[in-house]
mmCIF file of all heavy atoms, coordinates in Angstrom:
data_MODEL
# 
_entry.id   MODEL 
# 
loop_
_atom_site.group_PDB 
_atom_site.id 
_atom_site.type_symbol 
_atom_site.label_atom_id 
_atom_site.label_alt_id 
_atom_site.label_comp_id 
_atom_site.label_asym_id 
_atom_site.label_entity_id 
_atom_site.label_seq_id 
_atom_site.pdbx_PDB_ins_code 
_atom_site.Cartn_x 
_atom_site.Cartn_y 
_atom_site.Cartn_z 
_atom_site.occupancy 
_atom_site.B_iso_or_equiv 
_atom_site.pdbx_formal_charge 
_atom_site.auth_seq_id 
_atom_site.auth_comp_id 
_atom_site.auth_asym_id 
_atom_site.auth_atom_id 
_atom_site.pdbx_PDB_model_num 
ATOM 1   N N   . ASP A 1 1  ? 108.616 111.858 116.052 1.00 0.00 ? 1  ASP A N   1 
ATOM 2   C CA  . ASP A 1 1  ? 107.535 111.660 117.034 1.00 0.00 ? 1  ASP A CA  1 
ATOM 3   C C   . ASP A 1 1  ? 106.229 111.322 116.328 1.00 0.00 ? 1  ASP A C   1 
ATOM 4   O O   . ASP A 1 1  ? 105.152 111.489 116.876 1.00 0.00 ? 1  ASP A O   1 
ATOM 5   C CB  . ASP A 1 1  ? 107.338 112.834 117.976 1.00 0.00 ? 1  ASP A CB  1 
ATOM 6   C CG  . ASP A 1 1  ? 108.531 113.062 118.856 1.00 0.00 ? 1  ASP A CG  1 
ATOM 7   O OD1 . ASP A 1 1  ? 109.156 112.017 119.275 1.00 0.00 ? 1  ASP A OD1 1 
ATOM 8   O OD2 . ASP A 1 1  ? 108.908 114.210 119.138 1.00 0.00 ? 1  ASP A OD2 1 
ATOM 9   N N   . ALA A 1 2  ? 106.255 110.849 115.065 1.00 0.00 ? 2  ALA A N   1 
ATOM 10  C CA  . ALA A 1 2  ? 105.049 110.577 114.328 1.00 0.00 ? 2  ALA A CA  1 
ATOM 11  C C   . ALA A 1 2  ? 104.454 109.252 114.778 1.00 0.00 ? 2  ALA A C   1 
ATOM 12  O O   . ALA A 1 2  ? 105.164 108.366 115.155 1.00 0.00 ? 2  ALA A O   1 
ATOM 13  C CB  . ALA A 1 2  ? 105.333 110.532 112.776 1.00 0.00 ? 2  ALA A CB  1 
ATOM 14  N N   . HIS A 1 3  ? 103.134 109.205 114.673 1.00 0.00 ? 3  HIS A N   1 
ATOM 15  C CA  . HIS A 1 3  ? 102.389 107.953 114.883 1.00 0.00 ? 3  HIS A CA  1 
ATOM 16  C C   . HIS A 1 3  ? 102.069 107.397 113.463 1.00 0.00 ? 3  HIS A C   1 
ATOM 17  O O   . HIS A 1 3  ? 101.317 108.084 112.626 1.00 0.00 ? 3  HIS A O   1 
ATOM 18  C CB  . HIS A 1 3  ? 101.157 108.163 115.685 1.00 0.00 ? 3  HIS A CB  1 
ATOM 19  C CG  . HIS A 1 3  ? 101.420 108.611 117.030 1.00 0.00 ? 3  HIS A CG  1 
ATOM 20  N ND1 . HIS A 1 3  ? 101.861 107.773 118.059 1.00 0.00 ? 3  HIS A ND1 1 
ATOM 21  C CD2 . HIS A 1 3  ? 101.503 109.858 117.602 1.00 0.00 ? 3  HIS A CD2 1 
ATOM 22  C CE1 . HIS A 1 3  ? 102.103 108.411 119.165 1.00 0.00 ? 3  HIS A CE1 1 
ATOM 23  N NE2 . HIS A 1 3  ? 101.869 109.720 118.977 1.00 0.00 ? 3  HIS A NE2 1 
ATOM 24  N N   . VAL A 1 4  ? 102.619 106.290 113.117 1.00 0.00 ? 4  VAL A N   1 
ATOM 25  C CA  . VAL A 1 4  ? 102.612 105.792 111.711 1.00 0.00 ? 4  VAL A CA  1 
ATOM 26  C C   . VAL A 1 4  ? 101.779 104.611 111.568 1.00 0.00 ? 4  VAL A C   1 
ATOM 27  O O   . VAL A 1 4  ? 101.707 103.697 112.396 1.00 0.00 ? 4  VAL A O   1 
ATOM 28  C CB  . VAL A 1 4  ? 104.128 105.449 111.369 1.00 0.00 ? 4  VAL A CB  1 
ATOM 29  C CG1 . VAL A 1 4  ? 104.164 104.850 109.927 1.00 0.00 ? 4  VAL A CG1 1 
ATOM 30  C CG2 . VAL A 1 4  ? 105.027 106.655 111.484 1.00 0.00 ? 4  VAL A CG2 1 
ATOM 31  N N   . LEU A 1 5  ? 101.037 104.546 110.394 1.00 0.00 ? 5  LEU A N   1 
ATOM 32  C CA  . LEU A 1 5  ? 100.230 103.421 110.031 1.00 0.00 ? 5  LEU A CA  1 
ATOM 33  C C   . LEU A 1 5  ? 100.794 102.919 108.709 1.00 0.00 ? 5  LEU A C   1 
ATOM 34  O O   . LEU A 1 5  ? 100.820 103.655 107.731 1.00 0.00 ? 5  LEU A O   1 
ATOM 35  C CB  . LEU A 1 5  ? 98.744  103.822 109.843 1.00 0.00 ? 5  LEU A CB  1 
ATOM 36  C CG  . LEU A 1 5  ? 97.775  102.755 109.414 1.00 0.00 ? 5  LEU A CG  1 
ATOM 37  C CD1 . LEU A 1 5  ? 97.708  101.620 110.411 1.00 0.00 ? 5  LEU A CD1 1 
ATOM 38  C CD2 . LEU A 1 5  ? 96.365  103.335 109.197 1.00 0.00 ? 5  LEU A CD2 1 
ATOM 39  N N   . ASP A 1 6  ? 101.127 101.608 108.661 1.00 0.00 ? 6  ASP A N   1 
ATOM 40  C CA  . ASP A 1 6  ? 101.742 100.968 107.516 1.00 0.00 ? 6  ASP A CA  1 
ATOM 41  C C   . ASP A 1 6  ? 100.767 99.907  107.051 1.00 0.00 ? 6  ASP A C   1 
ATOM 42  O O   . ASP A 1 6  ? 100.667 98.840  107.573 1.00 0.00 ? 6  ASP A O   1 
ATOM 43  C CB  . ASP A 1 6  ? 103.081 100.416 107.900 1.00 0.00 ? 6  ASP A CB  1 
ATOM 44  C CG  . ASP A 1 6  ? 103.862 99.793  106.672 1.00 0.00 ? 6  ASP A CG  1 
ATOM 45  O OD1 . ASP A 1 6  ? 103.271 99.822  105.534 1.00 0.00 ? 6  ASP A OD1 1 
ATOM 46  O OD2 . ASP A 1 6  ? 104.961 99.321  106.906 1.00 0.00 ? 6  ASP A OD2 1 
ATOM 47  N N   . LEU A 1 7  ? 100.009 100.234 105.990 1.00 0.00 ? 7  LEU A N   1 
ATOM 48  C CA  . LEU A 1 7  ? 98.940  99.347  105.469 1.00 0.00 ? 7  LEU A CA  1 
ATOM 49  C C   . LEU A 1 7  ? 99.599  98.502  104.370 1.00 0.00 ? 7  LEU A C   1 
ATOM 50  O O   . LEU A 1 7  ? 100.374 98.962  103.602 1.00 0.00 ? 7  LEU A O   1 
ATOM 51  C CB  . LEU A 1 7  ? 97.779  100.148 104.975 1.00 0.00 ? 7  LEU A CB  1 
ATOM 52  C CG  . LEU A 1 7  ? 97.012  100.951 106.002 1.00 0.00 ? 7  LEU A CG  1 
ATOM 53  C CD1 . LEU A 1 7  ? 95.968  101.841 105.330 1.00 0.00 ? 7  LEU A CD1 1 
ATOM 54  C CD2 . LEU A 1 7  ? 96.358  100.080 107.030 1.00 0.00 ? 7  LEU A CD2 1 
ATOM 55  N N   . PHE A 1 8  ? 99.126  97.241  104.232 1.00 0.00 ? 8  PHE A N   1 
ATOM 56  C CA  . PHE A 1 8  ? 99.682  96.287  103.340 1.00 0.00 ? 8  PHE A CA  1 
ATOM 57  C C   . PHE A 1 8  ? 101.219 96.173  103.638 1.00 0.00 ? 8  PHE A C   1 
ATOM 58  O O   . PHE A 1 8  ? 102.057 96.295  102.771 1.00 0.00 ? 8  PHE A O   1 
ATOM 59  C CB  . PHE A 1 8  ? 99.474  96.651  101.833 1.00 0.00 ? 8  PHE A CB  1 
ATOM 60  C CG  . PHE A 1 8  ? 98.063  96.923  101.485 1.00 0.00 ? 8  PHE A CG  1 
ATOM 61  C CD1 . PHE A 1 8  ? 97.573  98.204  101.454 1.00 0.00 ? 8  PHE A CD1 1 
ATOM 62  C CD2 . PHE A 1 8  ? 97.212  95.908  101.115 1.00 0.00 ? 8  PHE A CD2 1 
ATOM 63  C CE1 . PHE A 1 8  ? 96.198  98.485  101.129 1.00 0.00 ? 8  PHE A CE1 1 
ATOM 64  C CE2 . PHE A 1 8  ? 95.859  96.096  100.724 1.00 0.00 ? 8  PHE A CE2 1 
ATOM 65  C CZ  . PHE A 1 8  ? 95.405  97.456  100.720 1.00 0.00 ? 8  PHE A CZ  1 
ATOM 66  N N   . ALA A 1 9  ? 101.507 95.945  104.897 1.00 0.00 ? 9  ALA A N   1 
ATOM 67  C CA  . ALA A 1 9  ? 102.891 96.149  105.405 1.00 0.00 ? 9  ALA A CA  1 
ATOM 68  C C   . ALA A 1 9  ? 103.930 95.204  104.800 1.00 0.00 ? 9  ALA A C   1 
ATOM 69  O O   . ALA A 1 9  ? 105.082 95.607  104.667 1.00 0.00 ? 9  ALA A O   1 
ATOM 70  C CB  . ALA A 1 9  ? 102.881 96.003  106.924 1.00 0.00 ? 9  ALA A CB  1 
ATOM 71  N N   . GLY A 1 10 ? 103.550 93.959  104.396 1.00 0.00 ? 10 GLY A N   1 
ATOM 72  C CA  . GLY A 1 10 ? 104.526 93.064  103.896 1.00 0.00 ? 10 GLY A CA  1 
ATOM 73  C C   . GLY A 1 10 ? 105.576 92.699  104.909 1.00 0.00 ? 10 GLY A C   1 
ATOM 74  O O   . GLY A 1 10 ? 105.332 92.055  105.868 1.00 0.00 ? 10 GLY A O   1 
ATOM 75  N N   . SER A 1 11 ? 106.823 93.228  104.682 1.00 0.00 ? 11 SER A N   1 
ATOM 76  C CA  . SER A 1 11 ? 107.895 93.003  105.649 1.00 0.00 ? 11 SER A CA  1 
ATOM 77  C C   . SER A 1 11 ? 107.865 93.992  106.795 1.00 0.00 ? 11 SER A C   1 
ATOM 78  O O   . SER A 1 11 ? 108.562 93.834  107.786 1.00 0.00 ? 11 SER A O   1 
ATOM 79  C CB  . SER A 1 11 ? 109.295 93.076  104.970 1.00 0.00 ? 11 SER A CB  1 
ATOM 80  O OG  . SER A 1 11 ? 109.489 94.379  104.526 1.00 0.00 ? 11 SER A OG  1 
ATOM 81  N N   . GLY A 1 12 ? 107.033 94.992  106.680 1.00 0.00 ? 12 GLY A N   1 
ATOM 82  C CA  . GLY A 1 12 ? 107.004 96.092  107.604 1.00 0.00 ? 12 GLY A CA  1 
ATOM 83  C C   . GLY A 1 12 ? 108.103 97.138  107.486 1.00 0.00 ? 12 GLY A C   1 
ATOM 84  O O   . GLY A 1 12 ? 108.257 98.045  108.325 1.00 0.00 ? 12 GLY A O   1 
ATOM 85  N N   . ALA A 1 13 ? 108.805 97.152  106.326 1.00 0.00 ? 13 ALA A N   1 
ATOM 86  C CA  . ALA A 1 13 ? 109.969 97.963  106.108 1.00 0.00 ? 13 ALA A CA  1 
ATOM 87  C C   . ALA A 1 13 ? 109.669 99.450  106.198 1.00 0.00 ? 13 ALA A C   1 
ATOM 88  O O   . ALA A 1 13 ? 110.473 100.221 106.784 1.00 0.00 ? 13 ALA A O   1 
ATOM 89  C CB  . ALA A 1 13 ? 110.605 97.654  104.735 1.00 0.00 ? 13 ALA A CB  1 
ATOM 90  N N   . LEU A 1 14 ? 108.524 99.915  105.735 1.00 0.00 ? 14 LEU A N   1 
ATOM 91  C CA  . LEU A 1 14 ? 108.176 101.302 105.742 1.00 0.00 ? 14 LEU A CA  1 
ATOM 92  C C   . LEU A 1 14 ? 107.933 101.803 107.169 1.00 0.00 ? 14 LEU A C   1 
ATOM 93  O O   . LEU A 1 14 ? 108.437 102.784 107.605 1.00 0.00 ? 14 LEU A O   1 
ATOM 94  C CB  . LEU A 1 14 ? 106.988 101.595 104.825 1.00 0.00 ? 14 LEU A CB  1 
ATOM 95  C CG  . LEU A 1 14 ? 107.195 101.349 103.395 1.00 0.00 ? 14 LEU A CG  1 
ATOM 96  C CD1 . LEU A 1 14 ? 105.895 101.524 102.569 1.00 0.00 ? 14 LEU A CD1 1 
ATOM 97  C CD2 . LEU A 1 14 ? 108.238 102.400 102.805 1.00 0.00 ? 14 LEU A CD2 1 
ATOM 98  N N   . GLY A 1 15 ? 107.084 101.090 107.856 1.00 0.00 ? 15 GLY A N   1 
ATOM 99  C CA  . GLY A 1 15 ? 106.849 101.448 109.300 1.00 0.00 ? 15 GLY A CA  1 
ATOM 100 C C   . GLY A 1 15 ? 108.118 101.346 110.124 1.00 0.00 ? 15 GLY A C   1 
ATOM 101 O O   . GLY A 1 15 ? 108.341 102.276 111.018 1.00 0.00 ? 15 GLY A O   1 
ATOM 102 N N   . LEU A 1 16 ? 108.924 100.350 109.936 1.00 0.00 ? 16 LEU A N   1 
ATOM 103 C CA  . LEU A 1 16 ? 110.133 100.158 110.736 1.00 0.00 ? 16 LEU A CA  1 
ATOM 104 C C   . LEU A 1 16 ? 111.200 101.184 110.401 1.00 0.00 ? 16 LEU A C   1 
ATOM 105 O O   . LEU A 1 16 ? 111.954 101.633 111.249 1.00 0.00 ? 16 LEU A O   1 
ATOM 106 C CB  . LEU A 1 16 ? 110.623 98.752  110.591 1.00 0.00 ? 16 LEU A CB  1 
ATOM 107 C CG  . LEU A 1 16 ? 109.654 97.651  111.078 1.00 0.00 ? 16 LEU A CG  1 
ATOM 108 C CD1 . LEU A 1 16 ? 110.208 96.256  110.841 1.00 0.00 ? 16 LEU A CD1 1 
ATOM 109 C CD2 . LEU A 1 16 ? 109.227 97.772  112.566 1.00 0.00 ? 16 LEU A CD2 1 
ATOM 110 N N   . GLU A 1 17 ? 111.285 101.561 109.092 1.00 0.00 ? 17 GLU A N   1 
ATOM 111 C CA  . GLU A 1 17 ? 112.222 102.615 108.746 1.00 0.00 ? 17 GLU A CA  1 
ATOM 112 C C   . GLU A 1 17 ? 111.788 103.956 109.406 1.00 0.00 ? 17 GLU A C   1 
ATOM 113 O O   . GLU A 1 17 ? 112.661 104.712 109.849 1.00 0.00 ? 17 GLU A O   1 
ATOM 114 C CB  . GLU A 1 17 ? 112.170 102.845 107.230 1.00 0.00 ? 17 GLU A CB  1 
ATOM 115 C CG  . GLU A 1 17 ? 113.067 103.892 106.679 1.00 0.00 ? 17 GLU A CG  1 
ATOM 116 C CD  . GLU A 1 17 ? 114.524 103.394 106.490 1.00 0.00 ? 17 GLU A CD  1 
ATOM 117 O OE1 . GLU A 1 17 ? 114.730 102.208 106.158 1.00 0.00 ? 17 GLU A OE1 1 
ATOM 118 O OE2 . GLU A 1 17 ? 115.465 104.244 106.734 1.00 0.00 ? 17 GLU A OE2 1 
ATOM 119 N N   . SER A 1 18 ? 110.519 104.172 109.536 1.00 0.00 ? 18 SER A N   1 
ATOM 120 C CA  . SER A 1 18 ? 109.995 105.378 110.203 1.00 0.00 ? 18 SER A CA  1 
ATOM 121 C C   . SER A 1 18 ? 110.498 105.320 111.658 1.00 0.00 ? 18 SER A C   1 
ATOM 122 O O   . SER A 1 18 ? 110.919 106.396 112.184 1.00 0.00 ? 18 SER A O   1 
ATOM 123 C CB  . SER A 1 18 ? 108.502 105.447 110.183 1.00 0.00 ? 18 SER A CB  1 
ATOM 124 O OG  . SER A 1 18 ? 108.027 105.447 108.792 1.00 0.00 ? 18 SER A OG  1 
ATOM 125 N N   . MET A 1 19 ? 110.380 104.170 112.346 1.00 0.00 ? 19 MET A N   1 
ATOM 126 C CA  . MET A 1 19 ? 110.776 104.070 113.751 1.00 0.00 ? 19 MET A CA  1 
ATOM 127 C C   . MET A 1 19 ? 112.272 104.330 113.870 1.00 0.00 ? 19 MET A C   1 
ATOM 128 O O   . MET A 1 19 ? 112.753 104.981 114.752 1.00 0.00 ? 19 MET A O   1 
ATOM 129 C CB  . MET A 1 19 ? 110.454 102.700 114.252 1.00 0.00 ? 19 MET A CB  1 
ATOM 130 C CG  . MET A 1 19 ? 108.934 102.418 114.390 1.00 0.00 ? 19 MET A CG  1 
ATOM 131 S SD  . MET A 1 19 ? 108.110 103.475 115.565 1.00 0.00 ? 19 MET A SD  1 
ATOM 132 C CE  . MET A 1 19 ? 108.915 102.974 117.086 1.00 0.00 ? 19 MET A CE  1 
ATOM 133 N N   . SER A 1 20 ? 113.120 103.826 112.987 1.00 0.00 ? 20 SER A N   1 
ATOM 134 C CA  . SER A 1 20 ? 114.569 103.994 112.985 1.00 0.00 ? 20 SER A CA  1 
ATOM 135 C C   . SER A 1 20 ? 114.874 105.472 112.935 1.00 0.00 ? 20 SER A C   1 
ATOM 136 O O   . SER A 1 20 ? 115.898 105.948 113.465 1.00 0.00 ? 20 SER A O   1 
ATOM 137 C CB  . SER A 1 20 ? 115.194 103.260 111.871 1.00 0.00 ? 20 SER A CB  1 
ATOM 138 O OG  . SER A 1 20 ? 116.600 103.451 111.857 1.00 0.00 ? 20 SER A OG  1 
ATOM 139 N N   . ARG A 1 21 ? 113.996 106.259 112.221 1.00 0.00 ? 21 ARG A N   1 
ATOM 140 C CA  . ARG A 1 21 ? 114.292 107.668 111.979 1.00 0.00 ? 21 ARG A CA  1 
ATOM 141 C C   . ARG A 1 21 ? 113.574 108.581 112.946 1.00 0.00 ? 21 ARG A C   1 
ATOM 142 O O   . ARG A 1 21 ? 113.490 109.822 112.636 1.00 0.00 ? 21 ARG A O   1 
ATOM 143 C CB  . ARG A 1 21 ? 113.992 107.999 110.516 1.00 0.00 ? 21 ARG A CB  1 
ATOM 144 C CG  . ARG A 1 21 ? 114.912 107.273 109.554 1.00 0.00 ? 21 ARG A CG  1 
ATOM 145 C CD  . ARG A 1 21 ? 114.544 107.695 108.128 1.00 0.00 ? 21 ARG A CD  1 
ATOM 146 N NE  . ARG A 1 21 ? 115.242 106.969 107.141 1.00 0.00 ? 21 ARG A NE  1 
ATOM 147 C CZ  . ARG A 1 21 ? 115.972 107.507 106.145 1.00 0.00 ? 21 ARG A CZ  1 
ATOM 148 N NH1 . ARG A 1 21 ? 116.138 108.816 106.042 1.00 0.00 ? 21 ARG A NH1 1 
ATOM 149 N NH2 . ARG A 1 21 ? 116.540 106.679 105.230 1.00 0.00 ? 21 ARG A NH2 1 
ATOM 150 N N   . GLY A 1 22 ? 112.979 108.085 113.990 1.00 0.00 ? 22 GLY A N   1 
ATOM 151 C CA  . GLY A 1 22 ? 112.425 108.973 115.026 1.00 0.00 ? 22 GLY A CA  1 
ATOM 152 C C   . GLY A 1 22 ? 110.935 108.996 115.218 1.00 0.00 ? 22 GLY A C   1 
ATOM 153 O O   . GLY A 1 22 ? 110.431 109.766 116.066 1.00 0.00 ? 22 GLY A O   1 
ATOM 154 N N   . ALA A 1 23 ? 110.198 108.111 114.518 1.00 0.00 ? 23 ALA A N   1 
ATOM 155 C CA  . ALA A 1 23 ? 108.793 108.010 114.778 1.00 0.00 ? 23 ALA A CA  1 
ATOM 156 C C   . ALA A 1 23 ? 108.486 107.538 116.201 1.00 0.00 ? 23 ALA A C   1 
ATOM 157 O O   . ALA A 1 23 ? 109.323 106.790 116.786 1.00 0.00 ? 23 ALA A O   1 
ATOM 158 C CB  . ALA A 1 23 ? 108.139 107.121 113.752 1.00 0.00 ? 23 ALA A CB  1 
ATOM 159 N N   . ALA A 1 24 ? 107.373 107.907 116.752 1.00 0.00 ? 24 ALA A N   1 
ATOM 160 C CA  . ALA A 1 24 ? 106.968 107.467 118.136 1.00 0.00 ? 24 ALA A CA  1 
ATOM 161 C C   . ALA A 1 24 ? 106.375 106.139 118.173 1.00 0.00 ? 24 ALA A C   1 
ATOM 162 O O   . ALA A 1 24 ? 106.574 105.408 119.147 1.00 0.00 ? 24 ALA A O   1 
ATOM 163 C CB  . ALA A 1 24 ? 106.010 108.555 118.708 1.00 0.00 ? 24 ALA A CB  1 
# 
């Protein structure tokens, strides 16, 4: 349920990995 900010996202892999694992 985390609200995630991915700065210098590039492909977005870090933010999208977070969503896959339960981020809000």
